[in-house]
Each structure stands twice: as structure tokens, then as C-alpha cells.
Amino acid sequence: MSDLSVVQTVFVVLIVSSTAMAGCLEAVESATEGPPDWDKDLIYLEDPLTHEDPREFTTRTITDRGSVEGEAFWAVFGNEEGGNCCEHYLAGTKEGWIVNFGGEYPTWSEDRGHTWQEYQPTIFSQLGCLEPKPTIPGQEGLGEGSIVQATNGDLISMGWFPYPSASGADQFYAFLYDAEDEEWSWCFNRTPEPFYDRSWQVEVIGPINGGIYGNGDYASLVISNFWHQVQNVGGQISTDGLNYDYFPFPDRDGTLDSIEVNLISEDLGVEWDFTKPHKEMRSFPVPSGGLYFPNYFIDGTDAYLDTSLNWWSATNQNGSSLPSEYCAFDSSSALHCVVSESNIITHFISFDGGENWQNFTYDLSNDVSAIEEWEFHSSGVHDLFVLSVRYQSSLGPDVDVAYHVRDFSESLYPDQITYIGQGDLDSTSGAGADIRFDFASMGILPDGGSFIAYMDSTDPDPLFAVEMLLPDNYQDNMM
């Protein structure tokens, strides 16, 4: 292990262990200088008490002088703001919306959670779309979906209705927010292949010349969580954001012609802070065009979907594969990849398309018996990386924690850690579990505030919280 890795591992063990940190703090404080203010250079964007449910969460600020603990307000929300029994599907937009498609219809707030809207269509006359079937009485509200902002500002999303009709066949509906027209529309889609289970969704960077699938400024690719994990079916693609067709994936043990993909990008717009799909999509949009799937094939080779919607075996321009199947760009042109193995999470970052990498290791072994769920997001505008982790603590309950890495271009060391919620409840993902938290979800607003799903004993279903205490220079970054 390199000296840097040793230092990184020791550092994170310290910041996640209150006992160890107390000792560290005593060691680094000088006789004449006390610890720093935990909230130095942090300000509230607004009065937290103007929110309906503000809650204080324990926060530790990490500096070269040690760690200092305080309490910071976050605004808390539940199922009424777009979730369901078991999860939230959160996303952000460059316009500052918090979007949630955890439940049946797209739900969003344009003012940091003070007011919420829901798009629930009442007219079933979308041109070219099939006529939807009614839901079974008593089974309304059981849908769930996915949503992400495309680089042109559109919101592409998909809703899955598992119990929609007397026939028992599942159905899925495309929901599209057209950024230019500022209007929502929807389309009922029924394809020959089964869908089944919540979707993951991502933009394929265009322009798209998709042959039988059509042409468009971009394509929207959707996969079924269940089918995509067990076999290569369940994919759907659209070049208009509304009408989807079955889209096959290559066999994971297959052999395809190889191509070098340009992952070097410069001068990316702010929109690239909001194109990252949920990590379980296991792919990311490529600024030069197309969609990249790291470690797709069984042998570890990457896959690439080009702008003509053809599949390739892929490497980056230096002939290498990426270090993780969970990667994404942000507007700084940084390529982030994250690996989770046992109780260790490693954050990789490259500023040259994957030729050279820096990394930081979060070794949680002292406090954690198992990492259950995790997600990450970054903001190039604010030079900010946030890692959200839900872990089974060595003491029993699940704990939700967020690591903030500010100025990641200079250092990958976390400088703030926040324990979100009470950390007093065990949950398990998957159908049949009594208490379910099925997946982590999060995003970062244009002002630099993160919003993160979590769960504790204060509610029978998962919650999410919006950060309100931010560095005062973040407002300068937005100008």
C-alpha cells in the first residue's frame, strides 16, 4: 500500500470514529490555539424555521486543526413529496428544481421544498401513443419511476405501473418535460418484452441517427431493474422522449468490435452537473456523443453505445478500461468513478479522460458491519463531491451519512461529515422486507445544497432532506 493510501485510510477511519477523532483533535490542537468554529464560513440561505419540518443533524467539520462538531438544520420531506413505501428517486435540474419520481407521478419543487407540484395527466390523447388502461380500484398510487435532466434541459422520465388493469399486465408510461415549451406530456407504451420493476434512465448524447429507432437531438435509454440484472432484456429506447421501442443489449460474454472512445472533454456547460443518472444505470453520457458502460462485459471490458445506436466493445483513448462501473462527468470535465468493496469505498477522479487517476479511500471498517446502500453526486460549478452512504453500524441500527468533499480539484479529503437522521432503525431492501429502504438517492442543487434520501424511526417510510447551511462563497460561484 502506498504512503498516500495509508494516510487516506487512517484519515477516514478517524473522521468516522468519534472516539478516535476525539483523540486526534486533542493531538492536533496547539496549547495556544483552540479548535476552529465548526460553522466557519457557512451560512443559511434562508431561515430554516420557514420550512414545515426543519431538523438538526449532527455535522462535523474537518480542518487541518482537527474536527469540530455542531448541529445543522436540513429541511425534511416524505411520501407526500413524491416517494412511496420504500424509496425516493431524486434528481436536480440546472434551473434549481428538486425532482422526485419515487412514487406514481413526477413531483417537483422550484423553491427548495417550500411548495410542490405533481404532473398527473388527465387527457389521454397524446399523438402516436396507445390508449392507457385504467388502474384497478384500490391499487392506485402503486407506480414508481425514474427521471433525469437531459443536456438540453428536458426532463426524461418513465413510470412503471405494476398493477394497472384487470389483465394483470404491467404497463409503463413515458413522461416528458419539454424545456423549450415548458410543458409536460406523456405516452402509454406497451412493447412485446416484459418490463417489470423500477426503471433506471439515462440520456444518450446526440444528435442521434438511430435507423429504425428514429432520429433526435438525443435518445432516452431505460432499463428495467429486475430484467437487466438477471439477463440482457428489458431495455427500451426513444428518440423523442415519449415513444419507446424494445432495445436489445449485447450478451455480457459476447465479443464485439472494439472502438476507442474520446472521454477527454473541455468547457462543459453547467448542464453536465445534472445529467448523471442513478448509479444503478451503470453507464454515463459521453460529451463527445453516445453512452458509456464501464466494466460491462464479464471479462471487465467496457461497452459503448454510439450516436447511431450501435454497440461496441470500448476503451478510452489510452486503451484502458475504467476502474468502476459507476462513473459520471460533471461540468468541470472531471470524470468521477466510485468502487464499493466490502466496507471500503474508493473515489477515483480523472481530469484527462481516464488516462491518469487520483483516488481516496473511505475505510469504514471500524464502525460498519455492512455497507447497505450508497450513491454519489458532484458539482463542477462548486468543485463539490458528495458521497451518501447507508450502512449497518457495528452497534446494530442503520446509519445515514453524507461526506462532503469541497474543492475536490485540490484534494479528495472530505472536509465535512453529516449524520442524517437519528440512525436508529434497521431496514432491508427488497420485496418482503418489513422495513424497506430499497436504494440510495440524492442530488445537488445549483446553489450547492445537496438533497439526500434516508430513513429513521420518525417515519414508517423513507424520507429525504435538503441541506440549508452552505459555504458563503457558493453564491459567488453561481454568478
Protein backbone atom coordinates (compact mmCIF):
# COMPACT_ATOMS: atom_id res chain seq x y z
CA MET A 1 0.00 0.00 0.00
CA SER A 2 1.37 3.43 -0.87
CA ASP A 3 2.08 6.06 1.78
CA LEU A 4 -0.78 8.15 0.37
CA SER A 5 -3.21 5.24 0.68
CA VAL A 6 -2.15 4.65 4.26
CA VAL A 7 -2.67 8.32 5.12
CA GLN A 8 -6.04 8.35 3.38
CA THR A 9 -7.24 5.22 5.14
CA VAL A 10 -6.13 6.44 8.57
CA PHE A 11 -7.72 9.84 7.96
CA VAL A 12 -11.13 8.42 7.12
CA VAL A 13 -11.07 5.95 9.97
CA LEU A 14 -10.54 8.98 12.19
CA ILE A 15 -13.38 11.04 10.78
CA VAL A 16 -15.93 8.24 11.02
CA SER A 17 -15.00 7.25 14.56
CA SER A 18 -15.97 9.69 17.27
CA THR A 19 -13.64 8.07 19.82
CA ALA A 20 -10.65 8.16 17.51
CA MET A 21 -11.47 11.70 16.41
CA ALA A 22 -11.54 12.93 19.98
CA GLY A 23 -8.00 11.67 20.41
CA CYS A 24 -6.94 13.13 17.09
CA LEU A 25 -8.40 16.50 17.98
CA GLU A 26 -6.53 16.58 21.26
CA ALA A 27 -3.33 15.72 19.43
CA VAL A 28 -3.53 18.40 16.76
CA GLU A 29 -4.70 21.33 18.91
CA SER A 30 -1.87 23.50 19.98
CA ALA A 31 -1.56 24.88 23.51
CA THR A 32 -2.40 28.37 22.32
CA GLU A 33 -4.94 27.74 19.57
CA GLY A 34 -8.35 26.19 20.13
CA PRO A 35 -10.40 24.24 17.61
CA PRO A 36 -11.91 26.11 14.68
CA ASP A 37 -15.56 27.13 14.62
CA TRP A 38 -17.46 24.21 13.15
CA ASP A 39 -19.62 26.54 11.01
CA LYS A 40 -16.89 28.98 9.95
CA ASP A 41 -17.70 30.47 6.51
CA LEU A 42 -21.05 28.61 6.44
CA ILE A 43 -24.34 30.49 6.15
CA TYR A 44 -28.03 29.63 5.93
CA LEU A 45 -29.56 30.57 2.60
CA GLU A 46 -32.84 31.21 4.42
CA ASP A 47 -34.39 30.92 7.84
CA PRO A 48 -34.65 27.13 8.42
CA LEU A 49 -37.80 27.61 10.51
CA THR A 50 -39.71 28.79 7.43
CA HIS A 51 -39.80 25.14 6.36
CA GLU A 52 -42.55 22.90 7.68
CA ASP A 53 -40.17 20.26 9.05
CA PRO A 54 -36.65 21.54 9.75
CA ARG A 55 -34.45 19.11 11.68
CA GLU A 56 -30.98 19.46 13.14
CA PHE A 57 -28.42 16.84 12.13
CA THR A 58 -25.01 16.28 13.66
CA THR A 59 -22.27 17.71 11.46
CA ARG A 60 -18.50 17.52 11.78
CA THR A 61 -16.24 19.99 10.04
CA ILE A 62 -12.77 18.63 9.27
CA THR A 63 -9.80 21.01 9.05
CA ASP A 64 -6.03 20.73 9.36
CA ARG A 65 -6.56 21.70 13.00
CA GLY A 66 -8.93 18.84 13.73
CA SER A 67 -12.62 18.04 13.76
CA VAL A 68 -15.36 20.15 15.34
CA GLU A 69 -18.95 19.07 15.80
CA GLY A 70 -22.15 21.08 15.54
CA GLU A 71 -25.82 20.84 14.60
CA ALA A 72 -27.04 21.98 11.18
CA PHE A 73 -30.64 22.34 10.00
CA TRP A 74 -31.87 20.37 6.99
CA ALA A 75 -35.44 20.53 5.64
CA VAL A 76 -37.13 17.10 5.72
CA PHE A 77 -39.77 15.67 3.36
CA GLY A 78 -41.68 12.41 2.93
CA ASN A 79 -44.05 10.47 0.69
CA GLU A 80 -46.24 13.48 0.07
CA GLU A 81 -43.37 14.96 -1.93
CA GLY A 82 -43.12 12.15 -4.44
CA GLY A 83 -41.94 8.99 -2.67
CA ASN A 84 -43.52 5.66 -1.91
CA CYS A 85 -43.26 2.97 0.77
CA CYS A 86 -39.69 2.07 0.06
CA GLU A 87 -37.72 4.78 -1.71
CA HIS A 88 -37.36 8.19 -3.32
CA TYR A 89 -35.97 8.69 -6.82
CA LEU A 90 -34.36 12.12 -6.60
CA ALA A 91 -32.83 14.35 -9.26
CA GLY A 92 -31.95 18.01 -9.65
CA THR A 93 -32.13 20.43 -12.56
CA LYS A 94 -29.97 23.35 -13.66
CA GLU A 95 -32.97 25.60 -13.03
CA GLY A 96 -32.93 24.64 -9.34
CA TRP A 97 -35.77 22.11 -9.22
CA ILE A 98 -35.77 19.22 -6.77
CA VAL A 99 -37.45 16.39 -8.68
CA ASN A 100 -38.79 13.16 -7.20
CA PHE A 101 -40.24 10.19 -9.07
CA GLY A 102 -40.25 7.75 -6.20
CA GLY A 103 -44.00 7.26 -6.47
CA GLU A 104 -46.60 7.29 -9.21
CA TYR A 105 -46.06 10.62 -10.98
CA PRO A 106 -43.27 13.18 -11.41
CA THR A 107 -43.20 15.59 -8.46
CA TRP A 108 -41.04 18.67 -8.11
CA SER A 109 -40.29 21.82 -6.16
CA GLU A 110 -38.92 25.01 -7.71
CA ASP A 111 -38.22 26.76 -4.39
CA ARG A 112 -36.09 24.36 -2.31
CA GLY A 113 -39.08 22.45 -0.99
CA HIS A 114 -41.43 25.20 0.15
CA THR A 115 -44.05 24.29 -2.46
CA TRP A 116 -44.52 21.15 -4.55
CA GLN A 117 -46.21 20.30 -7.82
CA GLU A 118 -47.17 17.00 -9.42
CA TYR A 119 -47.81 16.19 -13.07
CA GLN A 120 -50.82 13.87 -13.10
CA PRO A 121 -52.25 13.77 -16.63
CA THR A 122 -55.98 13.75 -17.19
CA ILE A 123 -56.08 13.76 -21.01
CA PHE A 124 -55.15 10.57 -22.84
CA SER A 125 -54.80 11.86 -26.38
CA GLN A 126 -51.06 12.10 -26.94
CA LEU A 127 -50.47 11.65 -30.67
CA GLY A 128 -49.00 8.26 -31.54
CA CYS A 129 -49.42 6.80 -28.07
CA LEU A 130 -51.62 3.89 -27.11
CA GLU A 131 -54.76 4.38 -25.06
CA PRO A 132 -53.94 3.65 -21.39
CA LYS A 133 -55.94 1.18 -19.35
CA PRO A 134 -57.47 2.17 -16.00
CA THR A 135 -55.92 1.07 -12.75
CA ILE A 136 -57.68 -1.44 -10.55
CA PRO A 137 -59.67 0.32 -7.80
CA GLY A 138 -57.75 0.23 -4.57
CA GLN A 139 -54.38 -0.15 -6.30
CA GLU A 140 -53.84 3.44 -7.28
CA GLY A 141 -50.61 5.01 -6.11
CA LEU A 142 -48.52 1.88 -6.56
CA GLY A 143 -46.50 3.14 -9.51
CA GLU A 144 -42.86 4.14 -9.44
CA GLY A 145 -40.48 5.74 -11.88
CA SER A 146 -37.17 7.25 -12.90
CA ILE A 147 -36.21 10.75 -14.03
CA VAL A 148 -33.15 12.72 -15.12
CA GLN A 149 -32.46 16.00 -16.90
CA ALA A 150 -31.10 15.86 -20.44
CA THR A 151 -28.36 18.25 -21.55
CA ASN A 152 -30.90 20.38 -23.47
CA GLY A 153 -32.93 20.89 -20.29
CA ASP A 154 -35.70 18.36 -21.00
CA LEU A 155 -36.76 16.02 -18.21
CA ILE A 156 -36.93 12.43 -19.45
CA SER A 157 -38.78 10.05 -17.18
CA MET A 158 -40.55 6.73 -17.10
CA GLY A 159 -43.33 5.48 -14.84
CA TRP A 160 -43.95 1.76 -14.20
CA PHE A 161 -47.43 0.68 -13.11
CA PRO A 162 -47.25 -2.91 -11.81
CA TYR A 163 -50.99 -3.40 -11.18
CA PRO A 164 -52.73 -1.31 -13.82
CA SER A 165 -55.62 -3.39 -15.11
CA ALA A 166 -57.72 -6.48 -14.76
CA SER A 167 -55.43 -8.22 -17.28
CA GLY A 168 -52.63 -8.09 -14.72
CA ALA A 169 -50.09 -6.96 -17.31
CA ASP A 170 -47.67 -4.31 -16.15
CA GLN A 171 -47.53 -1.07 -18.11
CA PHE A 172 -45.16 1.80 -18.41
CA TYR A 173 -45.66 5.44 -19.29
CA ALA A 174 -43.20 7.98 -20.61
CA PHE A 175 -43.35 11.44 -19.05
CA LEU A 176 -41.53 14.26 -20.85
CA TYR A 177 -40.98 17.83 -19.77
CA ASP A 178 -40.10 19.89 -22.85
CA ALA A 179 -37.77 22.63 -21.63
CA GLU A 180 -38.35 24.86 -24.65
CA ASP A 181 -42.16 24.71 -24.47
CA GLU A 182 -42.17 24.43 -20.65
CA GLU A 183 -44.86 21.76 -20.90
CA TRP A 184 -45.33 18.18 -19.72
CA SER A 185 -46.69 15.40 -21.92
CA TRP A 186 -46.99 11.66 -21.54
CA CYS A 187 -47.36 8.50 -23.54
CA PHE A 188 -48.57 4.99 -22.72
CA ASN A 189 -46.12 2.44 -24.11
CA ARG A 190 -46.59 -1.29 -24.43
CA THR A 191 -43.82 -3.36 -26.01
CA PRO A 192 -43.56 -7.12 -26.64
CA GLU A 193 -40.92 -7.57 -23.95
CA PRO A 194 -41.80 -7.59 -20.23
CA PHE A 195 -40.69 -4.61 -18.23
CA TYR A 196 -41.12 -5.35 -14.52
CA ASP A 197 -39.66 -3.31 -11.67
CA ARG A 198 -38.49 0.26 -11.32
CA SER A 199 -36.61 1.70 -14.25
CA TRP A 200 -33.20 3.33 -14.46
CA GLN A 201 -32.86 6.06 -17.08
CA VAL A 202 -30.13 7.96 -18.92
CA GLU A 203 -29.58 10.27 -21.89
CA VAL A 204 -27.64 9.10 -24.94
CA ILE A 205 -25.82 12.21 -26.17
CA GLY A 206 -26.71 13.06 -29.76
CA PRO A 207 -27.52 14.13 -32.36
CA ILE A 208 -28.91 10.63 -32.86
CA ASN A 209 -29.19 8.93 -36.25
CA GLY A 210 -30.87 5.82 -34.96
CA GLY A 211 -32.03 3.99 -38.08
CA ILE A 212 -35.15 2.00 -37.24
CA TYR A 213 -35.33 3.80 -33.89
CA GLY A 214 -35.52 7.24 -35.47
CA ASN A 215 -33.51 10.43 -35.20
CA GLY A 216 -33.42 13.06 -32.48
CA ASP A 217 -31.37 15.60 -30.59
CA TYR A 218 -30.74 12.83 -28.06
CA ALA A 219 -32.03 9.39 -27.13
CA SER A 220 -33.50 8.27 -23.82
CA LEU A 221 -32.50 4.77 -22.71
CA VAL A 222 -34.45 2.98 -19.98
CA ILE A 223 -33.74 -0.38 -18.40
CA SER A 224 -35.79 -2.50 -16.04
CA ASN A 225 -34.00 -3.03 -12.74
CA PHE A 226 -35.04 -6.68 -12.47
CA TRP A 227 -34.55 -7.89 -16.02
CA HIS A 228 -31.35 -6.03 -16.66
CA GLN A 229 -29.75 -7.59 -13.59
CA VAL A 230 -30.64 -11.21 -14.39
CA GLN A 231 -30.40 -11.20 -18.18
CA ASN A 232 -29.99 -8.81 -21.07
CA VAL A 233 -33.62 -7.89 -21.71
CA GLY A 234 -35.86 -5.11 -20.54
CA GLY A 235 -34.24 -2.22 -22.40
CA GLN A 236 -36.35 0.48 -24.06
CA ILE A 237 -35.18 3.42 -26.17
CA SER A 238 -36.80 6.58 -27.51
CA THR A 239 -35.56 9.38 -29.76
CA ASP A 240 -38.49 11.68 -28.96
CA GLY A 241 -38.76 11.10 -25.20
CA LEU A 242 -42.28 9.67 -25.49
CA ASN A 243 -42.48 6.66 -27.82
CA TYR A 244 -40.25 3.80 -26.71
CA ASP A 245 -39.22 0.63 -28.53
CA TYR A 246 -37.63 -2.56 -27.24
CA PHE A 247 -33.85 -2.22 -27.35
CA PRO A 248 -31.55 -5.25 -27.00
CA PHE A 249 -28.30 -5.26 -25.06
CA PRO A 250 -25.25 -7.31 -26.11
CA ASP A 251 -24.53 -10.54 -24.24
CA ARG A 252 -22.13 -9.94 -21.41
CA ASP A 253 -19.93 -12.80 -22.57
CA GLY A 254 -20.12 -11.65 -26.19
CA THR A 255 -17.34 -10.35 -28.42
CA LEU A 256 -17.88 -7.07 -30.26
CA ASP A 257 -15.65 -4.99 -32.49
CA SER A 258 -13.57 -2.61 -30.38
CA ILE A 259 -13.50 1.17 -30.54
CA GLU A 260 -11.55 3.89 -28.72
CA VAL A 261 -13.91 6.44 -27.17
CA ASN A 262 -12.85 10.02 -26.55
CA LEU A 263 -13.51 10.68 -22.86
CA ILE A 264 -11.49 13.88 -22.79
CA SER A 265 -13.82 16.83 -22.51
CA GLU A 266 -13.36 20.57 -22.09
CA ASP A 267 -15.61 23.54 -21.48
CA LEU A 268 -18.63 21.53 -20.42
CA GLY A 269 -21.70 23.60 -19.56
CA VAL A 270 -23.42 23.73 -16.20
CA GLU A 271 -25.97 21.21 -17.51
CA TRP A 272 -23.36 18.47 -17.02
CA ASP A 273 -23.84 18.77 -13.28
CA PHE A 274 -27.37 17.35 -13.76
CA THR A 275 -27.07 14.61 -16.41
CA LYS A 276 -25.79 11.92 -14.05
CA PRO A 277 -28.29 9.04 -13.87
CA HIS A 278 -28.82 6.93 -10.78
CA LYS A 279 -25.71 4.83 -10.31
CA GLU A 280 -27.66 1.60 -10.93
CA MET A 281 -27.96 2.61 -14.59
CA ARG A 282 -24.25 1.69 -14.61
CA SER A 283 -23.50 4.00 -17.51
CA PHE A 284 -22.88 7.68 -18.18
CA PRO A 285 -23.38 10.11 -21.08
CA VAL A 286 -20.27 10.88 -23.14
CA PRO A 287 -19.79 14.58 -24.01
CA SER A 288 -18.45 13.73 -27.48
CA GLY A 289 -21.59 11.65 -28.13
CA GLY A 290 -23.11 8.35 -27.07
CA LEU A 291 -23.25 6.41 -23.81
CA TYR A 292 -20.50 4.51 -21.96
CA PHE A 293 -20.92 1.32 -19.87
CA PRO A 294 -17.78 0.65 -17.79
CA ASN A 295 -16.96 -2.99 -16.95
CA TYR A 296 -19.99 -4.17 -18.90
CA PHE A 297 -18.62 -7.47 -20.17
CA ILE A 298 -17.76 -10.42 -17.95
CA ASP A 299 -14.06 -10.01 -18.68
CA GLY A 300 -14.17 -6.41 -17.42
CA THR A 301 -14.22 -4.77 -20.85
CA ASP A 302 -16.28 -1.62 -21.26
CA ALA A 303 -19.17 -1.19 -23.71
CA TYR A 304 -20.15 1.85 -25.75
CA LEU A 305 -23.41 2.83 -27.47
CA ASP A 306 -22.72 5.28 -30.30
CA THR A 307 -24.90 8.00 -31.80
CA SER A 308 -26.22 5.56 -34.42
CA LEU A 309 -27.31 3.31 -31.53
CA ASN A 310 -24.77 0.62 -32.36
CA TRP A 311 -22.96 -1.34 -29.64
CA TRP A 312 -19.17 -1.64 -29.37
CA SER A 313 -16.53 -3.04 -27.06
CA ALA A 314 -14.70 0.05 -25.82
CA THR A 315 -11.62 1.55 -24.24
CA ASN A 316 -10.67 5.15 -23.57
CA GLN A 317 -8.07 6.76 -25.80
CA ASN A 318 -5.11 5.31 -23.92
CA GLY A 319 -6.56 1.82 -24.37
CA SER A 320 -7.73 1.38 -20.79
CA SER A 321 -10.95 0.33 -19.12
CA LEU A 322 -12.40 2.46 -16.34
CA PRO A 323 -11.91 1.46 -12.68
CA SER A 324 -15.62 1.10 -11.86
CA GLU A 325 -18.99 0.55 -13.48
CA TYR A 326 -20.24 3.61 -11.53
CA CYS A 327 -18.87 6.74 -13.22
CA ALA A 328 -20.04 10.21 -14.29
CA PHE A 329 -18.81 13.54 -15.64
CA ASP A 330 -19.57 16.93 -14.15
CA SER A 331 -19.27 20.45 -15.59
CA SER A 332 -15.62 20.76 -14.52
CA SER A 333 -14.81 17.97 -17.02
CA ALA A 334 -13.83 15.74 -14.09
CA LEU A 335 -14.67 12.06 -14.54
CA HIS A 336 -15.62 10.52 -11.19
CA CYS A 337 -15.72 6.76 -10.61
CA VAL A 338 -16.60 5.06 -7.31
CA VAL A 339 -15.91 1.49 -6.20
CA SER A 340 -17.52 -0.21 -3.20
CA GLU A 341 -15.93 -3.40 -1.91
CA SER A 342 -16.69 -4.90 1.50
CA ASN A 343 -16.65 -1.93 3.91
CA ILE A 344 -14.40 0.22 1.76
CA ILE A 345 -15.46 2.84 -0.80
CA THR A 346 -12.87 4.35 -3.13
CA HIS A 347 -13.39 7.57 -5.06
CA PHE A 348 -11.40 7.87 -8.30
CA ILE A 349 -11.12 11.10 -10.28
CA SER A 350 -9.55 11.88 -13.65
CA PHE A 351 -9.19 15.22 -15.40
CA ASP A 352 -7.86 13.75 -18.67
CA GLY A 353 -10.49 11.22 -19.73
CA GLY A 354 -9.21 8.32 -17.64
CA GLU A 355 -5.52 8.34 -18.53
CA ASN A 356 -4.41 9.44 -15.06
CA TRP A 357 -6.27 8.96 -11.79
CA GLN A 358 -6.20 10.25 -8.25
CA ASN A 359 -8.07 8.34 -5.54
CA PHE A 360 -9.21 8.49 -1.95
CA THR A 361 -10.28 5.53 0.20
CA TYR A 362 -13.12 5.67 2.73
CA ASP A 363 -12.32 2.77 5.05
CA LEU A 364 -15.41 2.34 7.24
CA SER A 365 -14.37 -0.97 8.80
CA ASN A 366 -14.19 0.37 12.37
CA ASP A 367 -17.84 1.45 12.51
CA VAL A 368 -19.55 -0.67 9.88
CA SER A 369 -20.66 -4.28 9.70
CA ALA A 370 -22.03 -3.83 6.15
CA ILE A 371 -22.50 -1.04 3.61
CA GLU A 372 -26.11 -1.36 2.51
CA GLU A 373 -26.76 1.48 0.02
CA TRP A 374 -24.70 4.34 -1.39
CA GLU A 375 -24.77 7.00 -4.08
CA PHE A 376 -22.64 9.94 -5.16
CA HIS A 377 -23.00 13.23 -7.00
CA SER A 378 -20.72 16.08 -7.94
CA SER A 379 -21.00 19.72 -8.91
CA GLY A 380 -18.28 21.09 -11.14
CA VAL A 381 -19.55 24.63 -10.60
CA HIS A 382 -18.88 24.37 -6.87
CA ASP A 383 -15.92 21.95 -7.06
CA LEU A 384 -18.01 19.72 -4.78
CA PHE A 385 -18.30 15.94 -4.44
CA VAL A 386 -20.83 14.37 -2.05
CA LEU A 387 -20.95 10.69 -1.10
CA SER A 388 -24.07 9.35 0.62
CA VAL A 389 -23.77 6.04 2.48
CA ARG A 390 -26.32 3.99 4.42
CA TYR A 391 -24.55 1.37 6.48
CA GLN A 392 -25.28 -1.23 9.12
CA SER A 393 -23.40 0.02 12.15
CA SER A 394 -21.41 -2.29 14.38
CA LEU A 395 -23.88 -1.33 17.16
CA GLY A 396 -26.91 -2.57 15.18
CA PRO A 397 -29.02 0.18 13.58
CA ASP A 398 -28.56 1.56 10.08
CA VAL A 399 -26.82 4.94 9.83
CA ASP A 400 -27.12 7.51 7.03
CA VAL A 401 -24.07 9.65 6.49
CA ALA A 402 -23.01 12.23 3.89
CA TYR A 403 -19.39 13.09 3.16
CA HIS A 404 -18.72 16.49 1.56
CA VAL A 405 -15.51 16.96 -0.40
CA ARG A 406 -15.20 20.66 -1.18
CA ASP A 407 -12.53 21.80 -3.66
CA PHE A 408 -12.05 18.25 -4.96
CA SER A 409 -9.78 19.60 -7.69
CA GLU A 410 -7.25 20.35 -4.93
CA SER A 411 -7.83 17.47 -2.52
CA LEU A 412 -10.11 14.42 -2.28
CA TYR A 413 -10.10 14.54 1.54
CA PRO A 414 -13.62 15.05 2.96
CA ASP A 415 -13.99 18.27 4.91
CA GLN A 416 -17.46 17.69 6.32
CA ILE A 417 -19.41 14.67 7.51
CA THR A 418 -23.13 14.82 8.38
CA TYR A 419 -25.16 12.13 10.11
CA ILE A 420 -28.59 12.44 8.51
CA GLY A 421 -31.49 11.39 10.70
CA GLN A 422 -31.40 9.55 14.00
CA GLY A 423 -29.57 6.42 12.86
CA ASP A 424 -31.89 4.25 14.95
CA LEU A 425 -33.64 1.92 12.50
CA ASP A 426 -32.78 -1.30 10.69
CA SER A 427 -34.07 -1.68 7.15
CA THR A 428 -33.55 -4.04 4.25
CA SER A 429 -34.03 -3.61 0.53
CA GLY A 430 -36.27 -5.90 -1.49
CA ALA A 431 -39.82 -7.18 -1.59
CA GLY A 432 -40.98 -8.93 1.55
CA ALA A 433 -38.90 -6.92 3.99
CA ASP A 434 -40.88 -5.43 6.87
CA ILE A 435 -38.95 -2.17 6.80
CA ARG A 436 -37.72 -1.27 3.33
CA PHE A 437 -35.16 1.22 2.10
CA ASP A 438 -34.56 -0.07 -1.40
CA PHE A 439 -31.88 2.26 -2.73
CA ALA A 440 -29.94 5.42 -2.01
CA SER A 441 -30.81 8.56 -3.97
CA MET A 442 -29.51 12.12 -3.96
CA GLY A 443 -28.64 15.22 -5.97
CA ILE A 444 -27.02 18.66 -5.70
CA LEU A 445 -28.81 21.93 -6.44
CA PRO A 446 -27.26 24.78 -8.46
CA ASP A 447 -26.70 26.66 -5.18
CA GLY A 448 -24.54 23.77 -3.91
CA GLY A 449 -27.05 22.33 -1.44
CA SER A 450 -27.40 18.55 -1.53
CA PHE A 451 -30.63 16.60 -1.04
CA ILE A 452 -30.39 13.03 0.18
CA ALA A 453 -32.79 10.15 0.91
CA TYR A 454 -32.59 8.48 4.31
CA MET A 455 -34.69 6.57 6.86
CA ASP A 456 -35.10 6.54 10.62
CA SER A 457 -37.75 5.71 13.22
CA THR A 458 -39.58 9.05 12.87
CA ASP A 459 -41.49 7.79 9.80
CA PRO A 460 -42.59 4.33 8.59
CA ASP A 461 -41.33 5.15 5.09
CA PRO A 462 -38.10 6.67 3.73
CA LEU A 463 -37.59 10.43 3.95
CA PHE A 464 -35.29 12.87 2.23
CA ALA A 465 -33.58 16.01 3.49
CA VAL A 466 -32.43 19.22 1.81
CA GLU A 467 -29.24 20.91 3.01
CA MET A 468 -29.54 24.57 4.04
CA LEU A 469 -26.21 25.52 5.65
CA LEU A 470 -23.72 26.20 2.85
CA PRO A 471 -20.35 27.90 2.29
CA ASP A 472 -20.91 31.61 1.81
CA ASN A 473 -18.78 31.68 -1.37
CA TYR A 474 -21.15 29.30 -3.18
CA GLN A 475 -23.30 32.26 -4.13
CA ASP A 476 -20.29 33.82 -5.84
CA ASN A 477 -19.74 30.62 -7.83
CA MET A 478 -23.20 30.96 -9.37
CA MET A 479 -22.60 34.46 -10.76
